[in-house]
Amino acid sequence: MSAPAAPSDTDAVFQALGDATRRAILERLSRRPASISDIAAPFDMSLAAVVQHVQVLERSGLVRSNKIGRVRTCEINPQGLALARQWLDERRQLWEDRFHRLAEFLDEEEDGGGD
């Protein structure tokens, strides 16, 4: 298991994921890289607003972009998604362990081990 991510990194990822527009942008980018104007097309907002959303995603590490000439192309950054997955996996494991211990305790109680 890798070292835990810094809280600020994890916070930035979940803050970015906390917005429906940014999640929709990630969904779109999960299919293929896209230019800012392609990303903006389905949204009823200004290009500047979409750029701000993309910048939040970039700062969080969920998206990376590359500018060639006047076109900025964005793509998913798998390492950013790995931060969210790692945090969720750690929480899942914690709760699975707790439920397993509770089930063992309840089995012992049911078998009369608690007398």
Foldseek 3Di string as FASTA:
>chain_A
DDDADDPVLLVLLVVLVVDPLSVLLQVVQVVHKDWLCVSCVVDPDDSVVSVVSVVSCVVSQQKDWDDDPNTIIIHGRVVSVVNNVVVVVVVVVVVVVVVVVVVVVVVCVVVVVVD
